[in-house]
Amino acid sequence: MKKLTEQEINTALKDLKGWEYKDNAIVKNFTLPTFFEAYTLLCKAAFIAEKLNHHPDWSGVYNKVTLKLNTHDAGGVTQSDIDFAAEVEKFLKN
């Protein structure tokens, strides 16, 4: 998988509200109303990870979740990371 340029990443992030490029990854911090909703997001992210065979760095504390996406084999952000973030956003809209 080809590593994206910073310009390609920033262009893709225009369609992904709240995601930012930092530390060679795309990152988003979520604050949800309850622990259960945060846990649900983590569970959905697990299903997305298995579907795409692409696994994020993540953390969750009570109602806060952080997802950090990059492709270790490529040494940075690839289209797989953008696709993962887009899947998360689709889930949150429903």
N, C-alpha and C. Protein backbone atom coordinates (compact mmCIF):
# COMPACT_ATOMS: atom_id res chain seq x y z
N MET A 1 0.85 -1.18 0.00
CA MET A 1 0.00 0.00 0.00
C MET A 1 0.89 1.24 0.00
N LYS A 2 0.54 2.20 -0.85
CA LYS A 2 1.33 3.42 -1.02
C LYS A 2 1.03 4.43 0.10
N LYS A 3 2.11 4.95 0.67
CA LYS A 3 1.99 6.00 1.67
C LYS A 3 1.51 7.28 0.98
N LEU A 4 0.52 7.93 1.56
CA LEU A 4 -0.01 9.17 0.99
C LEU A 4 0.88 10.36 1.35
N THR A 5 0.89 11.36 0.48
CA THR A 5 1.61 12.60 0.78
C THR A 5 0.79 13.41 1.78
N GLU A 6 1.43 14.37 2.40
CA GLU A 6 0.72 15.22 3.35
C GLU A 6 -0.42 15.96 2.65
N GLN A 7 -0.20 16.40 1.42
CA GLN A 7 -1.25 17.08 0.67
C GLN A 7 -2.43 16.14 0.40
N GLU A 8 -2.16 14.90 0.01
CA GLU A 8 -3.23 13.93 -0.22
C GLU A 8 -4.02 13.65 1.06
N ILE A 9 -3.30 13.56 2.16
CA ILE A 9 -3.96 13.32 3.46
C ILE A 9 -4.85 14.49 3.81
N ASN A 10 -4.34 15.70 3.71
CA ASN A 10 -5.13 16.88 4.06
C ASN A 10 -6.35 17.04 3.16
N THR A 11 -6.22 16.69 1.90
CA THR A 11 -7.36 16.73 0.99
C THR A 11 -8.43 15.73 1.43
N ALA A 12 -8.00 14.52 1.76
CA ALA A 12 -8.94 13.48 2.21
C ALA A 12 -9.62 13.87 3.53
N LEU A 13 -8.89 14.52 4.41
CA LEU A 13 -9.44 14.87 5.72
C LEU A 13 -10.52 15.95 5.63
N LYS A 14 -10.59 16.67 4.53
CA LYS A 14 -11.64 17.68 4.38
C LYS A 14 -13.03 17.04 4.44
N ASP A 15 -13.11 15.76 4.06
CA ASP A 15 -14.39 15.04 4.10
C ASP A 15 -14.60 14.26 5.39
N LEU A 16 -13.64 14.34 6.31
CA LEU A 16 -13.71 13.57 7.55
C LEU A 16 -13.66 14.53 8.74
N LYS A 17 -14.82 14.95 9.16
CA LYS A 17 -14.95 15.97 10.21
C LYS A 17 -14.26 15.54 11.51
N GLY A 18 -13.38 16.42 11.99
CA GLY A 18 -12.75 16.21 13.28
C GLY A 18 -11.46 15.39 13.25
N TRP A 19 -11.15 14.80 12.11
CA TRP A 19 -9.90 14.04 12.00
C TRP A 19 -8.77 15.01 11.69
N GLU A 20 -7.59 14.73 12.26
CA GLU A 20 -6.44 15.57 11.98
C GLU A 20 -5.21 14.71 11.73
N TYR A 21 -4.28 15.27 11.00
CA TYR A 21 -3.03 14.60 10.69
C TYR A 21 -1.98 15.09 11.67
N LYS A 22 -1.45 14.16 12.47
CA LYS A 22 -0.38 14.53 13.39
C LYS A 22 0.41 13.28 13.77
N ASP A 23 1.67 13.47 13.99
CA ASP A 23 2.56 12.36 14.38
C ASP A 23 2.48 11.19 13.40
N ASN A 24 2.45 11.50 12.10
CA ASN A 24 2.47 10.49 11.04
C ASN A 24 1.25 9.56 11.07
N ALA A 25 0.12 10.10 11.52
CA ALA A 25 -1.12 9.33 11.60
C ALA A 25 -2.30 10.27 11.48
N ILE A 26 -3.49 9.69 11.22
CA ILE A 26 -4.70 10.50 11.34
C ILE A 26 -5.37 10.10 12.65
N VAL A 27 -5.85 11.12 13.36
CA VAL A 27 -6.31 10.93 14.73
C VAL A 27 -7.62 11.67 14.94
N LYS A 28 -8.48 11.04 15.74
CA LYS A 28 -9.69 11.74 16.17
C LYS A 28 -10.00 11.33 17.60
N ASN A 29 -10.34 12.33 18.40
CA ASN A 29 -10.80 12.13 19.77
C ASN A 29 -12.30 12.29 19.79
N PHE A 30 -12.98 11.33 20.37
CA PHE A 30 -14.43 11.33 20.47
C PHE A 30 -14.83 11.47 21.93
N THR A 31 -15.82 12.30 22.20
CA THR A 31 -16.44 12.35 23.52
C THR A 31 -17.90 12.01 23.30
N LEU A 32 -18.33 10.92 23.91
CA LEU A 32 -19.69 10.44 23.73
C LEU A 32 -20.48 10.66 25.02
N PRO A 33 -21.80 10.62 24.94
CA PRO A 33 -22.62 10.91 26.13
C PRO A 33 -22.43 9.92 27.28
N THR A 34 -22.16 8.64 26.97
CA THR A 34 -22.09 7.64 28.03
C THR A 34 -20.96 6.65 27.77
N PHE A 35 -20.62 5.91 28.81
CA PHE A 35 -19.65 4.83 28.68
C PHE A 35 -20.13 3.81 27.65
N PHE A 36 -21.40 3.46 27.70
CA PHE A 36 -21.94 2.46 26.78
C PHE A 36 -21.76 2.88 25.33
N GLU A 37 -22.01 4.16 25.02
CA GLU A 37 -21.84 4.64 23.64
C GLU A 37 -20.38 4.63 23.22
N ALA A 38 -19.48 4.94 24.14
CA ALA A 38 -18.05 4.86 23.83
C ALA A 38 -17.64 3.41 23.57
N TYR A 39 -18.13 2.51 24.40
CA TYR A 39 -17.84 1.09 24.22
C TYR A 39 -18.41 0.58 22.89
N THR A 40 -19.60 1.05 22.53
CA THR A 40 -20.20 0.67 21.25
C THR A 40 -19.33 1.12 20.09
N LEU A 41 -18.78 2.33 20.17
CA LEU A 41 -17.88 2.81 19.12
C LEU A 41 -16.64 1.92 19.02
N LEU A 42 -16.08 1.54 20.15
CA LEU A 42 -14.90 0.66 20.13
C LEU A 42 -15.26 -0.70 19.52
N CYS A 43 -16.43 -1.21 19.85
CA CYS A 43 -16.86 -2.49 19.26
C CYS A 43 -17.03 -2.36 17.76
N LYS A 44 -17.65 -1.28 17.32
CA LYS A 44 -17.83 -1.07 15.88
C LYS A 44 -16.47 -0.93 15.19
N ALA A 45 -15.56 -0.22 15.83
CA ALA A 45 -14.21 -0.08 15.27
C ALA A 45 -13.54 -1.45 15.14
N ALA A 46 -13.80 -2.34 16.07
CA ALA A 46 -13.23 -3.69 15.99
C ALA A 46 -13.78 -4.43 14.77
N PHE A 47 -15.08 -4.29 14.51
CA PHE A 47 -15.67 -4.93 13.34
C PHE A 47 -15.10 -4.33 12.04
N ILE A 48 -14.94 -3.01 12.02
CA ILE A 48 -14.35 -2.36 10.85
C ILE A 48 -12.92 -2.86 10.64
N ALA A 49 -12.17 -2.96 11.72
CA ALA A 49 -10.78 -3.42 11.64
C ALA A 49 -10.69 -4.82 11.03
N GLU A 50 -11.58 -5.69 11.45
CA GLU A 50 -11.56 -7.05 10.91
C GLU A 50 -11.99 -7.06 9.45
N LYS A 51 -13.02 -6.28 9.12
CA LYS A 51 -13.51 -6.20 7.74
C LYS A 51 -12.41 -5.71 6.79
N LEU A 52 -11.67 -4.69 7.22
CA LEU A 52 -10.63 -4.09 6.37
C LEU A 52 -9.26 -4.72 6.58
N ASN A 53 -9.16 -5.64 7.55
CA ASN A 53 -7.87 -6.22 7.92
C ASN A 53 -6.85 -5.12 8.18
N HIS A 54 -7.27 -4.16 8.97
CA HIS A 54 -6.46 -2.98 9.27
C HIS A 54 -6.81 -2.54 10.68
N HIS A 55 -5.85 -2.57 11.58
CA HIS A 55 -6.15 -2.43 13.00
C HIS A 55 -5.56 -1.13 13.57
N PRO A 56 -6.42 -0.33 14.21
CA PRO A 56 -6.00 0.98 14.71
C PRO A 56 -5.30 0.89 16.06
N ASP A 57 -4.62 1.97 16.40
CA ASP A 57 -4.23 2.21 17.79
C ASP A 57 -5.43 2.91 18.39
N TRP A 58 -5.85 2.49 19.56
CA TRP A 58 -7.03 3.10 20.15
C TRP A 58 -6.93 3.12 21.66
N SER A 59 -7.72 3.99 22.24
CA SER A 59 -7.85 3.99 23.70
C SER A 59 -9.26 4.45 24.04
N GLY A 60 -9.70 4.00 25.18
CA GLY A 60 -11.02 4.39 25.65
C GLY A 60 -11.00 4.53 27.16
N VAL A 61 -11.49 5.66 27.64
CA VAL A 61 -11.63 5.90 29.07
C VAL A 61 -13.01 6.52 29.30
N TYR A 62 -13.84 5.79 30.02
CA TYR A 62 -15.23 6.13 30.29
C TYR A 62 -15.96 6.52 29.00
N ASN A 63 -16.17 7.82 28.75
CA ASN A 63 -16.94 8.22 27.56
C ASN A 63 -16.05 8.82 26.47
N LYS A 64 -14.75 8.62 26.57
CA LYS A 64 -13.82 9.19 25.60
C LYS A 64 -13.11 8.06 24.85
N VAL A 65 -13.00 8.23 23.53
CA VAL A 65 -12.32 7.27 22.67
C VAL A 65 -11.37 8.05 21.77
N THR A 66 -10.18 7.51 21.59
CA THR A 66 -9.23 8.06 20.63
C THR A 66 -8.88 6.97 19.64
N LEU A 67 -8.98 7.31 18.35
CA LEU A 67 -8.56 6.41 17.28
C LEU A 67 -7.39 7.06 16.57
N LYS A 68 -6.33 6.29 16.41
CA LYS A 68 -5.13 6.75 15.70
C LYS A 68 -4.85 5.74 14.61
N LEU A 69 -4.83 6.22 13.36
CA LEU A 69 -4.69 5.33 12.23
C LEU A 69 -3.44 5.65 11.41
N ASN A 70 -2.64 4.64 11.18
CA ASN A 70 -1.56 4.70 10.20
C ASN A 70 -1.22 3.27 9.79
N THR A 71 -0.53 3.14 8.70
CA THR A 71 -0.18 1.82 8.18
C THR A 71 1.30 1.60 8.47
N HIS A 72 1.58 0.79 9.47
CA HIS A 72 2.95 0.59 9.92
C HIS A 72 3.85 0.09 8.79
N ASP A 73 3.35 -0.84 7.99
CA ASP A 73 4.16 -1.41 6.90
C ASP A 73 4.57 -0.36 5.87
N ALA A 74 3.71 0.66 5.68
CA ALA A 74 4.00 1.71 4.70
C ALA A 74 4.75 2.88 5.32
N GLY A 75 4.81 2.92 6.64
CA GLY A 75 5.52 4.00 7.31
C GLY A 75 4.75 5.30 7.37
N GLY A 76 3.40 5.22 7.31
CA GLY A 76 2.59 6.43 7.40
C GLY A 76 1.14 6.15 7.04
N VAL A 77 0.46 7.18 6.63
CA VAL A 77 -0.96 7.10 6.31
C VAL A 77 -1.15 6.62 4.88
N THR A 78 -2.06 5.66 4.71
CA THR A 78 -2.40 5.15 3.38
C THR A 78 -3.91 5.28 3.17
N GLN A 79 -4.34 4.87 1.99
CA GLN A 79 -5.78 4.90 1.70
C GLN A 79 -6.56 4.01 2.66
N SER A 80 -5.95 2.96 3.17
CA SER A 80 -6.62 2.09 4.16
C SER A 80 -7.02 2.87 5.41
N ASP A 81 -6.18 3.79 5.82
CA ASP A 81 -6.48 4.61 7.00
C ASP A 81 -7.64 5.55 6.72
N ILE A 82 -7.63 6.15 5.55
CA ILE A 82 -8.73 7.05 5.16
C ILE A 82 -10.03 6.26 5.07
N ASP A 83 -9.98 5.06 4.49
CA ASP A 83 -11.17 4.22 4.37
C ASP A 83 -11.71 3.83 5.75
N PHE A 84 -10.81 3.51 6.67
CA PHE A 84 -11.22 3.16 8.03
C PHE A 84 -11.94 4.33 8.69
N ALA A 85 -11.34 5.51 8.61
CA ALA A 85 -11.95 6.70 9.21
C ALA A 85 -13.32 6.97 8.59
N ALA A 86 -13.45 6.80 7.29
CA ALA A 86 -14.73 7.01 6.61
C ALA A 86 -15.79 6.03 7.11
N GLU A 87 -15.39 4.78 7.35
CA GLU A 87 -16.33 3.78 7.88
C GLU A 87 -16.81 4.17 9.28
N VAL A 88 -15.90 4.67 10.10
CA VAL A 88 -16.27 5.12 11.45
C VAL A 88 -17.28 6.26 11.35
N GLU A 89 -17.02 7.20 10.46
CA GLU A 89 -17.93 8.34 10.31
C GLU A 89 -19.30 7.90 9.81
N LYS A 90 -19.35 6.93 8.91
CA LYS A 90 -20.65 6.42 8.44
C LYS A 90 -21.43 5.82 9.60
N PHE A 91 -20.74 5.06 10.44
CA PHE A 91 -21.37 4.46 11.62
C PHE A 91 -21.96 5.53 12.54
N LEU A 92 -21.19 6.59 12.77
CA LEU A 92 -21.64 7.64 13.69
C LEU A 92 -22.83 8.42 13.16
N LYS A 93 -22.98 8.50 11.85
CA LYS A 93 -24.10 9.22 11.27
C LYS A 93 -25.41 8.45 11.40
N ASN A 94 -25.32 7.13 11.56
CA ASN A 94 -26.55 6.30 11.65
C ASN A 94 -27.03 6.16 13.06
